[in-house]
Amino acid sequence: MKIGVKKLVSAMPISLTEKVIEPFAITVNPSHVPVALSRSTDLMGFWERVYNVVGFIVISSFAETVTMPATVQLLRKYFGPGIDSTYALNVAAQSTFLLTNGNEFIDFPRPINSKLVYVSDIGIGKPHPLNEEFQKLMDSARGGVMLVSMGSIVVSSRMPMDIKNAFVSSFRAFPNITFIWKYEEDDDLGCDSQNIIKKKWIPQADLLAHANMRAFLSHCGATSTSESMRAGVPIVCIPVFFDQMQNAMKMGKHHAAVVIEKDNVTAASISWALRSVLSDKRLYTHFEFRYSANKVGRVEQLTSNASGMQSRNALQHFSTLFKAGG
């Protein structure tokens, strides 16, 4: 079924991932570009490169045998039975450009082309004033605040009890820090600790922008990472799936984050990470982490604010497309 669209623009809500970007003539060389599920940065040793190549093969096979058939089935539902994988890839290849939720100055070095437009501020506006309740919480926290949120897909209240207990135990070890935890249910977990405040909903970007925010414990989703970058707040990353690992590794490379693997979430590992970003001079001091996070934040602000380079670049691309008859 043809609907008469003359010009196409594609968009990715996450950072660049292999196979997805192939139709746009953007190559991925696993010898030096970490794949989406990799636990490595671009500074890989020999065996890390081997694992990266294996990961690339696995992801490519999964995309061809699972993701693409599911995509074709969905397209057939809305556009007719004549669509196959070749047709879908050809349509994607005809896109004038590709918007991706990433920042080229934070991303790992990789080949790109003129079709690619980075827009890391997708869905992120300027911080708003806090309501009276949150403003009071932030202002009254003498030792500062650490925000804890695992995003919208990973529900904190449904995490295994041993992990939730590890969170509470590690938070108690820092009585001078107030922990605001996005926690979706009413229960007694951590209620006996005055420095743990559970909220079913939080104005995340607005809280991160407050001067009293010390650090952020996060799953490192694309939006959470961008909001933390913009605020210059260091992150304790617990990536769970897909692009979150690479988001965490990018922040870690710039010394703006500490990464805990999801199969190693214990009271000891969380406490170590908290000390790293808050106070432990044997690792990185909080000042150094904050300094690195602020440097990353300045890059993000310069390239993604309302008058910044990324937004202007995207607008220029759209303007050119419209003038060309799109």
C-alpha atoms as a PDB file:
ATOM      1  CA  MET A   1       0.000   0.000   0.000  1.00  0.00           C
ATOM      2  CA  LYS A   2       1.416   3.386  -1.026  1.00  0.00           C
ATOM      3  CA  ILE A   3       0.532   6.465   1.020  1.00  0.00           C
ATOM      4  CA  GLY A   4       2.316   9.069  -1.091  1.00  0.00           C
ATOM      5  CA  VAL A   5       5.121  10.025   1.274  1.00  0.00           C
ATOM      6  CA  LYS A   6       7.901  11.724  -0.681  1.00  0.00           C
ATOM      7  CA  LYS A   7      10.517  12.143   2.023  1.00  0.00           C
ATOM      8  CA  LEU A   8      11.273   9.957   5.025  1.00  0.00           C
ATOM      9  CA  VAL A   9      12.969  10.774   8.313  1.00  0.00           C
ATOM     10  CA  SER A  10      13.821   7.927  10.680  1.00  0.00           C
ATOM     11  CA  ALA A  11      14.405   8.244  14.411  1.00  0.00           C
ATOM     12  CA  MET A  12      15.882   6.125  17.191  1.00  0.00           C
ATOM     13  CA  PRO A  13      14.855   6.781  20.821  1.00  0.00           C
ATOM     14  CA  ILE A  14      18.152   5.281  22.002  1.00  0.00           C
ATOM     15  CA  SER A  15      21.790   5.492  20.972  1.00  0.00           C
ATOM     16  CA  LEU A  16      23.110   3.813  17.825  1.00  0.00           C
ATOM     17  CA  THR A  17      22.807   0.039  17.721  1.00  0.00           C
ATOM     18  CA  GLU A  18      24.210  -2.400  15.199  1.00  0.00           C
ATOM     19  CA  LYS A  19      21.966  -3.939  12.510  1.00  0.00           C
ATOM     20  CA  VAL A  20      19.382  -1.201  13.063  1.00  0.00           C
ATOM     21  CA  ILE A  21      21.700   1.351  11.459  1.00  0.00           C
ATOM     22  CA  GLU A  22      22.874  -0.833   8.562  1.00  0.00           C
ATOM     23  CA  PRO A  23      20.142   0.357   6.132  1.00  0.00           C
ATOM     24  CA  PHE A  24      21.435   3.898   6.624  1.00  0.00           C
ATOM     25  CA  ALA A  25      24.915   2.919   5.352  1.00  0.00           C
ATOM     26  CA  ILE A  26      26.465   3.390   8.786  1.00  0.00           C
ATOM     27  CA  THR A  27      28.980   0.617   9.290  1.00  0.00           C
ATOM     28  CA  VAL A  28      29.804  -1.113  12.558  1.00  0.00           C
ATOM     29  CA  ASN A  29      33.249  -2.645  12.955  1.00  0.00           C
ATOM     30  CA  PRO A  30      33.235  -4.776  16.130  1.00  0.00           C
ATOM     31  CA  SER A  31      37.028  -4.732  16.240  1.00  0.00           C
ATOM     32  CA  HIS A  32      36.893  -1.240  17.743  1.00  0.00           C
ATOM     33  CA  VAL A  33      33.212  -0.200  18.134  1.00  0.00           C
ATOM     34  CA  PRO A  34      31.552  -1.761  21.221  1.00  0.00           C
ATOM     35  CA  VAL A  35      28.250  -3.493  20.482  1.00  0.00           C
ATOM     36  CA  ALA A  36      25.092  -2.559  22.378  1.00  0.00           C
ATOM     37  CA  LEU A  37      25.365  -5.283  25.016  1.00  0.00           C
ATOM     38  CA  SER A  38      29.119  -4.954  25.509  1.00  0.00           C
ATOM     39  CA  ARG A  39      30.666  -4.298  28.905  1.00  0.00           C
ATOM     40  CA  SER A  40      33.626  -2.590  27.232  1.00  0.00           C
ATOM     41  CA  THR A  41      34.508   0.879  26.057  1.00  0.00           C
ATOM     42  CA  ASP A  42      36.330   1.515  22.788  1.00  0.00           C
ATOM     43  CA  LEU A  43      39.598   0.917  24.702  1.00  0.00           C
ATOM     44  CA  MET A  44      39.474  -2.872  24.365  1.00  0.00           C
ATOM     45  CA  GLY A  45      42.157  -5.480  24.845  1.00  0.00           C
ATOM     46  CA  PHE A  46      42.489  -8.543  22.621  1.00  0.00           C
ATOM     47  CA  TRP A  47      39.979 -10.766  24.418  1.00  0.00           C
ATOM     48  CA  GLU A  48      37.515  -7.919  24.804  1.00  0.00           C
ATOM     49  CA  ARG A  49      37.627  -7.489  21.040  1.00  0.00           C
ATOM     50  CA  VAL A  50      37.037 -11.219  20.584  1.00  0.00           C
ATOM     51  CA  TYR A  51      34.010 -11.111  22.902  1.00  0.00           C
ATOM     52  CA  ASN A  52      32.793  -8.009  21.082  1.00  0.00           C
ATOM     53  CA  VAL A  53      32.937  -9.784  17.713  1.00  0.00           C
ATOM     54  CA  VAL A  54      31.067 -12.768  19.172  1.00  0.00           C
ATOM     55  CA  GLY A  55      28.480 -10.387  20.606  1.00  0.00           C
ATOM     56  CA  PHE A  56      28.087  -8.730  17.224  1.00  0.00           C
ATOM     57  CA  ILE A  57      27.436 -12.115  15.596  1.00  0.00           C
ATOM     58  CA  VAL A  58      24.872 -13.039  18.268  1.00  0.00           C
ATOM     59  CA  ILE A  59      23.040  -9.710  17.997  1.00  0.00           C
ATOM     60  CA  SER A  60      23.063  -9.870  14.194  1.00  0.00           C
ATOM     61  CA  SER A  61      21.643 -13.396  14.219  1.00  0.00           C
ATOM     62  CA  PHE A  62      18.936 -12.404  16.695  1.00  0.00           C
ATOM     63  CA  ALA A  63      17.999  -9.386  14.584  1.00  0.00           C
ATOM     64  CA  GLU A  64      17.709 -11.462  11.421  1.00  0.00           C
ATOM     65  CA  THR A  65      15.805 -14.393  12.943  1.00  0.00           C
ATOM     66  CA  VAL A  66      13.612 -12.682  15.558  1.00  0.00           C
ATOM     67  CA  THR A  67      13.485  -8.899  15.300  1.00  0.00           C
ATOM     68  CA  MET A  68      13.143  -8.565  11.528  1.00  0.00           C
ATOM     69  CA  PRO A  69      10.351 -11.188  11.161  1.00  0.00           C
ATOM     70  CA  ALA A  70       8.422  -9.483  13.970  1.00  0.00           C
ATOM     71  CA  THR A  71       8.914  -6.095  12.303  1.00  0.00           C
ATOM     72  CA  VAL A  72       7.724  -7.418   8.939  1.00  0.00           C
ATOM     73  CA  GLN A  73       4.651  -8.944  10.571  1.00  0.00           C
ATOM     74  CA  LEU A  74       3.783  -5.598  12.151  1.00  0.00           C
ATOM     75  CA  LEU A  75       4.276  -3.739   8.874  1.00  0.00           C
ATOM     76  CA  ARG A  76       2.043  -6.220   7.047  1.00  0.00           C
ATOM     77  CA  LYS A  77      -0.687  -5.583   9.604  1.00  0.00           C
ATOM     78  CA  TYR A  78      -0.845  -1.893   8.695  1.00  0.00           C
ATOM     79  CA  PHE A  79       0.450  -1.718   5.118  1.00  0.00           C
ATOM     80  CA  GLY A  80      -0.617  -4.964   3.472  1.00  0.00           C
ATOM     81  CA  PRO A  81       0.674  -8.508   2.887  1.00  0.00           C
ATOM     82  CA  GLY A  82       3.115  -7.615   0.118  1.00  0.00           C
ATOM     83  CA  ILE A  83       5.812  -6.369   2.476  1.00  0.00           C
ATOM     84  CA  ASP A  84       8.908  -8.461   3.138  1.00  0.00           C
ATOM     85  CA  SER A  85      12.234  -7.814   4.868  1.00  0.00           C
ATOM     86  CA  THR A  86      13.877  -6.530   1.681  1.00  0.00           C
ATOM     87  CA  TYR A  87      11.110  -3.992   1.169  1.00  0.00           C
ATOM     88  CA  ALA A  88      11.340  -2.833   4.792  1.00  0.00           C
ATOM     89  CA  LEU A  89      15.113  -2.356   4.573  1.00  0.00           C
ATOM     90  CA  ASN A  90      14.812  -0.486   1.281  1.00  0.00           C
ATOM     91  CA  VAL A  91      12.253   1.890   2.774  1.00  0.00           C
ATOM     92  CA  ALA A  92      14.561   2.597   5.721  1.00  0.00           C
ATOM     93  CA  ALA A  93      17.474   3.157   3.337  1.00  0.00           C
ATOM     94  CA  GLN A  94      15.477   5.867   1.562  1.00  0.00           C
ATOM     95  CA  SER A  95      15.349   8.009   4.718  1.00  0.00           C
ATOM     96  CA  THR A  96      16.790  11.452   4.177  1.00  0.00           C
ATOM     97  CA  PHE A  97      18.369  11.354   7.606  1.00  0.00           C
ATOM     98  CA  LEU A  98      18.319   9.484  10.911  1.00  0.00           C
ATOM     99  CA  LEU A  99      17.753  11.136  14.286  1.00  0.00           C
ATOM    100  CA  THR A 100      19.428   9.368  17.186  1.00  0.00           C
ATOM    101  CA  ASN A 101      19.109  10.031  20.905  1.00  0.00           C
ATOM    102  CA  GLY A 102      22.804  10.477  21.599  1.00  0.00           C
ATOM    103  CA  ASN A 103      25.609  13.004  21.900  1.00  0.00           C
ATOM    104  CA  GLU A 104      28.494  12.768  19.439  1.00  0.00           C
ATOM    105  CA  PHE A 105      30.959  14.184  21.963  1.00  0.00           C
ATOM    106  CA  ILE A 106      30.151  11.477  24.530  1.00  0.00           C
ATOM    107  CA  ASP A 107      29.690   8.601  22.082  1.00  0.00           C
ATOM    108  CA  PHE A 108      32.532   6.203  21.345  1.00  0.00           C
ATOM    109  CA  PRO A 109      34.556   6.941  18.180  1.00  0.00           C
ATOM    110  CA  ARG A 110      32.845   5.303  15.217  1.00  0.00           C
ATOM    111  CA  PRO A 111      32.239   5.791  11.485  1.00  0.00           C
ATOM    112  CA  ILE A 112      29.180   7.927  10.714  1.00  0.00           C
ATOM    113  CA  ASN A 113      27.813   9.700   7.647  1.00  0.00           C
ATOM    114  CA  SER A 114      25.859  12.815   6.749  1.00  0.00           C
ATOM    115  CA  LYS A 115      22.503  11.095   7.301  1.00  0.00           C
ATOM    116  CA  LEU A 116      23.063  10.894  11.039  1.00  0.00           C
ATOM    117  CA  VAL A 117      21.781  13.693  13.290  1.00  0.00           C
ATOM    118  CA  TYR A 118      22.429  13.528  17.049  1.00  0.00           C
ATOM    119  CA  VAL A 119      19.620  14.940  19.202  1.00  0.00           C
ATOM    120  CA  SER A 120      20.258  13.961  22.816  1.00  0.00           C
ATOM    121  CA  ASP A 121      17.622  16.386  24.101  1.00  0.00           C
ATOM    122  CA  ILE A 122      14.629  14.446  22.735  1.00  0.00           C
ATOM    123  CA  GLY A 123      11.809  14.962  25.234  1.00  0.00           C
ATOM    124  CA  ILE A 124      14.001  16.883  27.690  1.00  0.00           C
ATOM    125  CA  GLY A 125      12.995  20.425  28.564  1.00  0.00           C
ATOM    126  CA  LYS A 126      14.408  22.983  30.954  1.00  0.00           C
ATOM    127  CA  PRO A 127      14.080  22.155  34.680  1.00  0.00           C
ATOM    128  CA  HIS A 128      10.967  23.479  36.405  1.00  0.00           C
ATOM    129  CA  PRO A 129      10.669  24.831  39.956  1.00  0.00           C
ATOM    130  CA  LEU A 130      10.042  22.104  42.517  1.00  0.00           C
ATOM    131  CA  ASN A 131       6.778  21.947  44.411  1.00  0.00           C
ATOM    132  CA  GLU A 132       6.784  22.834  48.089  1.00  0.00           C
ATOM    133  CA  GLU A 133       7.261  19.240  49.298  1.00  0.00           C
ATOM    134  CA  PHE A 134      10.299  18.434  47.155  1.00  0.00           C
ATOM    135  CA  GLN A 135      11.788  21.894  47.578  1.00  0.00           C
ATOM    136  CA  LYS A 136      11.699  21.462  51.340  1.00  0.00           C
ATOM    137  CA  LEU A 137      13.268  17.996  51.084  1.00  0.00           C
ATOM    138  CA  MET A 138      16.110  19.245  48.914  1.00  0.00           C
ATOM    139  CA  ASP A 139      16.811  22.385  50.925  1.00  0.00           C
ATOM    140  CA  SER A 140      16.744  20.649  54.321  1.00  0.00           C
ATOM    141  CA  ALA A 141      19.168  17.827  53.419  1.00  0.00           C
ATOM    142  CA  ARG A 142      22.349  19.043  55.125  1.00  0.00           C
ATOM    143  CA  GLY A 143      24.581  16.332  53.683  1.00  0.00           C
ATOM    144  CA  GLY A 144      23.036  16.512  50.248  1.00  0.00           C
ATOM    145  CA  VAL A 145      20.665  14.252  48.346  1.00  0.00           C
ATOM    146  CA  MET A 146      21.114  11.157  46.220  1.00  0.00           C
ATOM    147  CA  LEU A 147      18.321  10.332  43.798  1.00  0.00           C
ATOM    148  CA  VAL A 148      17.486   6.659  43.251  1.00  0.00           C
ATOM    149  CA  SER A 149      15.421   5.645  40.231  1.00  0.00           C
ATOM    150  CA  MET A 150      15.538   2.540  38.052  1.00  0.00           C
ATOM    151  CA  GLY A 151      13.305   3.982  35.352  1.00  0.00           C
ATOM    152  CA  SER A 152       9.781   3.119  34.277  1.00  0.00           C
ATOM    153  CA  ILE A 153      10.329  -0.478  33.153  1.00  0.00           C
ATOM    154  CA  VAL A 154      12.309  -1.759  36.139  1.00  0.00           C
ATOM    155  CA  VAL A 155       9.893  -1.315  39.048  1.00  0.00           C
ATOM    156  CA  SER A 156      11.868  -0.900  42.274  1.00  0.00           C
ATOM    157  CA  SER A 157       9.109  -2.329  44.450  1.00  0.00           C
ATOM    158  CA  ARG A 158       9.136  -5.554  42.405  1.00  0.00           C
ATOM    159  CA  MET A 159      12.870  -6.134  42.565  1.00  0.00           C
ATOM    160  CA  PRO A 160      14.023  -9.283  44.426  1.00  0.00           C
ATOM    161  CA  MET A 161      13.961  -8.790  48.174  1.00  0.00           C
ATOM    162  CA  ASP A 162      17.698  -9.411  48.539  1.00  0.00           C
ATOM    163  CA  ILE A 163      18.423  -6.537  46.140  1.00  0.00           C
ATOM    164  CA  LYS A 164      15.976  -4.202  47.881  1.00  0.00           C
ATOM    165  CA  ASN A 165      17.551  -5.073  51.219  1.00  0.00           C
ATOM    166  CA  ALA A 166      20.991  -4.375  49.716  1.00  0.00           C
ATOM    167  CA  PHE A 167      19.792  -0.923  48.690  1.00  0.00           C
ATOM    168  CA  VAL A 168      18.449  -0.171  52.174  1.00  0.00           C
ATOM    169  CA  SER A 169      21.544  -1.520  53.934  1.00  0.00           C
ATOM    170  CA  SER A 170      23.908   0.580  51.827  1.00  0.00           C
ATOM    171  CA  PHE A 171      21.768   3.713  52.218  1.00  0.00           C
ATOM    172  CA  ARG A 172      21.851   3.331  55.988  1.00  0.00           C
ATOM    173  CA  ALA A 173      25.652   3.398  55.862  1.00  0.00           C
ATOM    174  CA  PHE A 174      25.455   7.049  54.753  1.00  0.00           C
ATOM    175  CA  PRO A 175      23.216   8.657  57.405  1.00  0.00           C
ATOM    176  CA  ASN A 176      24.188  12.196  56.387  1.00  0.00           C
ATOM    177  CA  ILE A 177      22.904  11.680  52.839  1.00  0.00           C
ATOM    178  CA  THR A 178      19.178  11.836  52.097  1.00  0.00           C
ATOM    179  CA  PHE A 179      18.101   9.187  49.581  1.00  0.00           C
ATOM    180  CA  ILE A 180      14.986   9.985  47.551  1.00  0.00           C
ATOM    181  CA  TRP A 181      13.947   6.645  46.090  1.00  0.00           C
ATOM    182  CA  LYS A 182      11.369   6.229  43.326  1.00  0.00           C
ATOM    183  CA  TYR A 183       9.467   3.317  44.857  1.00  0.00           C
ATOM    184  CA  GLU A 184       6.060   2.391  43.506  1.00  0.00           C
ATOM    185  CA  GLU A 185       4.301   0.720  46.459  1.00  0.00           C
ATOM    186  CA  ASP A 186       3.473   1.445  50.091  1.00  0.00           C
ATOM    187  CA  ASP A 187       5.321  -1.004  52.332  1.00  0.00           C
ATOM    188  CA  ASP A 188       7.560  -0.994  55.383  1.00  0.00           C
ATOM    189  CA  LEU A 189      10.883  -1.385  53.572  1.00  0.00           C
ATOM    190  CA  GLY A 190      13.358   1.151  54.937  1.00  0.00           C
ATOM    191  CA  CYS A 191      10.709   2.976  56.952  1.00  0.00           C
ATOM    192  CA  ASP A 192      12.872   2.851  60.081  1.00  0.00           C
ATOM    193  CA  SER A 193      15.613   4.890  58.347  1.00  0.00           C
ATOM    194  CA  GLN A 194      15.158   8.645  58.469  1.00  0.00           C
ATOM    195  CA  ASN A 195      17.445   9.240  55.488  1.00  0.00           C
ATOM    196  CA  ILE A 196      15.396   7.047  53.097  1.00  0.00           C
ATOM    197  CA  ILE A 197      12.399   8.755  51.508  1.00  0.00           C
ATOM    198  CA  LYS A 198      10.294   6.674  49.127  1.00  0.00           C
ATOM    199  CA  LYS A 199       8.107   8.342  46.523  1.00  0.00           C
ATOM    200  CA  LYS A 200       5.832   6.764  43.917  1.00  0.00           C
ATOM    201  CA  TRP A 201       6.586   9.610  41.538  1.00  0.00           C
ATOM    202  CA  ILE A 202       9.446  12.091  41.295  1.00  0.00           C
ATOM    203  CA  PRO A 203      10.179  15.117  39.063  1.00  0.00           C
ATOM    204  CA  GLN A 204      13.492  13.555  38.056  1.00  0.00           C
ATOM    205  CA  ALA A 205      14.989  16.257  35.835  1.00  0.00           C
ATOM    206  CA  ASP A 206      13.957  19.008  38.242  1.00  0.00           C
ATOM    207  CA  LEU A 207      15.490  17.226  41.237  1.00  0.00           C
ATOM    208  CA  LEU A 208      18.742  16.533  39.388  1.00  0.00           C
ATOM    209  CA  ALA A 209      19.069  20.234  38.596  1.00  0.00           C
ATOM    210  CA  HIS A 210      18.951  21.220  42.289  1.00  0.00           C
ATOM    211  CA  ALA A 211      22.261  22.428  43.726  1.00  0.00           C
ATOM    212  CA  ASN A 212      21.971  20.025  46.674  1.00  0.00           C
ATOM    213  CA  MET A 213      21.892  16.909  44.462  1.00  0.00           C
ATOM    214  CA  ARG A 214      25.064  14.902  45.092  1.00  0.00           C
ATOM    215  CA  ALA A 215      24.641  11.825  42.890  1.00  0.00           C
ATOM    216  CA  PHE A 216      22.166   9.645  41.008  1.00  0.00           C
ATOM    217  CA  LEU A 217      21.652   5.868  41.237  1.00  0.00           C
ATOM    218  CA  SER A 218      20.143   4.875  37.904  1.00  0.00           C
ATOM    219  CA  HIS A 219      19.613   2.137  35.315  1.00  0.00           C
ATOM    220  CA  CYS A 220      21.254   4.498  32.788  1.00  0.00           C
ATOM    221  CA  GLY A 221      18.436   4.659  30.293  1.00  0.00           C
ATOM    222  CA  ALA A 222      18.874   7.172  27.481  1.00  0.00           C
ATOM    223  CA  THR A 223      16.717   9.903  29.022  1.00  0.00           C
ATOM    224  CA  SER A 224      18.018   9.454  32.563  1.00  0.00           C
ATOM    225  CA  THR A 225      21.598   9.586  31.320  1.00  0.00           C
ATOM    226  CA  SER A 226      20.958  12.767  29.326  1.00  0.00           C
ATOM    227  CA  GLU A 227      19.223  14.441  32.280  1.00  0.00           C
ATOM    228  CA  SER A 228      22.084  13.553  34.601  1.00  0.00           C
ATOM    229  CA  MET A 229      24.643  14.736  32.056  1.00  0.00           C
ATOM    230  CA  ARG A 230      22.908  18.058  31.664  1.00  0.00           C
ATOM    231  CA  ALA A 231      22.769  18.557  35.447  1.00  0.00           C
ATOM    232  CA  GLY A 232      26.425  17.548  35.900  1.00  0.00           C
ATOM    233  CA  VAL A 233      25.502  14.894  38.472  1.00  0.00           C
ATOM    234  CA  PRO A 234      27.690  11.749  38.777  1.00  0.00           C
ATOM    235  CA  ILE A 235      25.896   8.415  38.419  1.00  0.00           C
ATOM    236  CA  VAL A 236      26.002   5.020  40.078  1.00  0.00           C
ATOM    237  CA  CYS A 237      24.900   2.907  37.114  1.00  0.00           C
ATOM    238  CA  ILE A 238      23.133  -0.454  37.364  1.00  0.00           C
ATOM    239  CA  PRO A 239      22.343  -1.163  33.690  1.00  0.00           C
ATOM    240  CA  VAL A 240      19.699  -3.828  33.148  1.00  0.00           C
ATOM    241  CA  PHE A 241      19.325  -4.440  29.410  1.00  0.00           C
ATOM    242  CA  PHE A 242      20.101  -3.375  25.850  1.00  0.00           C
ATOM    243  CA  ASP A 243      21.612   0.105  25.379  1.00  0.00           C
ATOM    244  CA  GLN A 244      21.854   0.829  29.114  1.00  0.00           C
ATOM    245  CA  MET A 245      25.194  -0.966  29.435  1.00  0.00           C
ATOM    246  CA  GLN A 246      26.772   1.170  26.730  1.00  0.00           C
ATOM    247  CA  ASN A 247      25.281   4.343  28.216  1.00  0.00           C
ATOM    248  CA  ALA A 248      26.900   3.390  31.515  1.00  0.00           C
ATOM    249  CA  MET A 249      30.259   2.571  29.926  1.00  0.00           C
ATOM    250  CA  LYS A 250      30.324   5.905  28.076  1.00  0.00           C
ATOM    251  CA  MET A 251      29.750   7.789  31.325  1.00  0.00           C
ATOM    252  CA  GLY A 252      32.313   5.621  33.096  1.00  0.00           C
ATOM    253  CA  LYS A 253      34.923   6.340  30.437  1.00  0.00           C
ATOM    254  CA  HIS A 254      34.563  10.055  31.163  1.00  0.00           C
ATOM    255  CA  HIS A 255      34.849   9.416  34.932  1.00  0.00           C
ATOM    256  CA  ALA A 256      31.289  10.638  35.465  1.00  0.00           C
ATOM    257  CA  ALA A 257      29.926   7.281  36.661  1.00  0.00           C
ATOM    258  CA  VAL A 258      30.620   4.050  38.520  1.00  0.00           C
ATOM    259  CA  VAL A 259      29.139   0.894  37.006  1.00  0.00           C
ATOM    260  CA  ILE A 260      27.728  -2.070  38.951  1.00  0.00           C
ATOM    261  CA  GLU A 261      26.767  -5.117  36.900  1.00  0.00           C
ATOM    262  CA  LYS A 262      23.227  -6.292  37.562  1.00  0.00           C
ATOM    263  CA  ASP A 263      24.387  -9.741  38.693  1.00  0.00           C
ATOM    264  CA  ASN A 264      26.639  -8.166  41.325  1.00  0.00           C
ATOM    265  CA  VAL A 265      24.165  -5.924  43.152  1.00  0.00           C
ATOM    266  CA  THR A 266      24.977  -6.409  46.834  1.00  0.00           C
ATOM    267  CA  ALA A 267      25.190  -4.159  49.871  1.00  0.00           C
ATOM    268  CA  ALA A 268      28.980  -4.248  49.535  1.00  0.00           C
ATOM    269  CA  SER A 269      29.050  -3.295  45.838  1.00  0.00           C
ATOM    270  CA  ILE A 270      26.515  -0.503  46.275  1.00  0.00           C
ATOM    271  CA  SER A 271      28.333   0.885  49.319  1.00  0.00           C
ATOM    272  CA  TRP A 272      31.609   0.853  47.369  1.00  0.00           C
ATOM    273  CA  ALA A 273      29.969   2.725  44.497  1.00  0.00           C
ATOM    274  CA  LEU A 274      28.403   5.284  46.828  1.00  0.00           C
ATOM    275  CA  ARG A 275      31.748   5.909  48.513  1.00  0.00           C
ATOM    276  CA  SER A 276      33.325   6.310  45.082  1.00  0.00           C
ATOM    277  CA  VAL A 277      31.039   9.132  43.989  1.00  0.00           C
ATOM    278  CA  LEU A 278      30.516  10.700  47.418  1.00  0.00           C
ATOM    279  CA  SER A 279      33.616  10.566  49.571  1.00  0.00           C
ATOM    280  CA  ASP A 280      36.254   7.838  49.108  1.00  0.00           C
ATOM    281  CA  LYS A 281      39.653   9.391  48.296  1.00  0.00           C
ATOM    282  CA  ARG A 282      41.187   5.950  47.690  1.00  0.00           C
ATOM    283  CA  LEU A 283      39.217   5.775  44.464  1.00  0.00           C
ATOM    284  CA  TYR A 284      37.940   9.012  42.944  1.00  0.00           C
ATOM    285  CA  THR A 285      37.023  11.805  45.303  1.00  0.00           C
ATOM    286  CA  HIS A 286      33.542  13.207  45.054  1.00  0.00           C
ATOM    287  CA  PHE A 287      35.083  16.448  43.817  1.00  0.00           C
ATOM    288  CA  GLU A 288      36.784  14.653  40.925  1.00  0.00           C
ATOM    289  CA  PHE A 289      33.603  12.782  40.025  1.00  0.00           C
ATOM    290  CA  ARG A 290      31.591  15.969  40.255  1.00  0.00           C
ATOM    291  CA  TYR A 291      34.193  17.809  38.179  1.00  0.00           C
ATOM    292  CA  SER A 292      34.088  15.122  35.474  1.00  0.00           C
ATOM    293  CA  ALA A 293      30.292  15.035  35.563  1.00  0.00           C
ATOM    294  CA  ASN A 294      30.197  18.815  35.255  1.00  0.00           C
ATOM    295  CA  LYS A 295      32.527  18.683  32.237  1.00  0.00           C
ATOM    296  CA  VAL A 296      30.210  16.146  30.610  1.00  0.00           C
ATOM    297  CA  GLY A 297      27.268  18.309  31.611  1.00  0.00           C
ATOM    298  CA  ARG A 298      28.765  21.384  29.984  1.00  0.00           C
ATOM    299  CA  VAL A 299      29.230  19.434  26.752  1.00  0.00           C
ATOM    300  CA  GLU A 300      25.613  18.284  26.948  1.00  0.00           C
ATOM    301  CA  GLN A 301      24.357  21.789  27.644  1.00  0.00           C
ATOM    302  CA  LEU A 302      26.367  23.305  24.808  1.00  0.00           C
ATOM    303  CA  THR A 303      25.172  20.736  22.293  1.00  0.00           C
ATOM    304  CA  SER A 304      21.569  20.092  23.315  1.00  0.00           C
ATOM    305  CA  ASN A 305      19.964  23.125  24.922  1.00  0.00           C
ATOM    306  CA  ALA A 306      17.204  25.057  23.192  1.00  0.00           C
ATOM    307  CA  SER A 307      19.678  27.317  21.416  1.00  0.00           C
ATOM    308  CA  GLY A 308      22.476  24.769  21.164  1.00  0.00           C
ATOM    309  CA  MET A 309      24.179  23.044  18.314  1.00  0.00           C
ATOM    310  CA  GLN A 310      22.198  19.801  18.227  1.00  0.00           C
ATOM    311  CA  SER A 311      18.776  21.432  18.137  1.00  0.00           C
ATOM    312  CA  ARG A 312      19.915  23.946  15.524  1.00  0.00           C
ATOM    313  CA  ASN A 313      21.420  21.136  13.489  1.00  0.00           C
ATOM    314  CA  ALA A 314      18.187  19.130  13.543  1.00  0.00           C
ATOM    315  CA  LEU A 315      16.129  22.196  12.608  1.00  0.00           C
ATOM    316  CA  GLN A 316      18.476  22.947   9.735  1.00  0.00           C
ATOM    317  CA  HIS A 317      18.070  19.396   8.452  1.00  0.00           C
ATOM    318  CA  PHE A 318      14.273  19.673   8.558  1.00  0.00           C
ATOM    319  CA  SER A 319      14.380  23.102   6.927  1.00  0.00           C
ATOM    320  CA  THR A 320      16.511  21.752   4.091  1.00  0.00           C
ATOM    321  CA  LEU A 321      14.167  18.797   3.686  1.00  0.00           C
ATOM    322  CA  PHE A 322      11.080  21.016   3.444  1.00  0.00           C
ATOM    323  CA  LYS A 323      12.754  23.364   0.970  1.00  0.00           C
ATOM    324  CA  ALA A 324      13.644  20.345  -1.169  1.00  0.00           C
ATOM    325  CA  GLY A 325       9.978  19.430  -1.445  1.00  0.00           C
ATOM    326  CA  GLY A 326       9.605  17.038   1.491  1.00  0.00           C
END
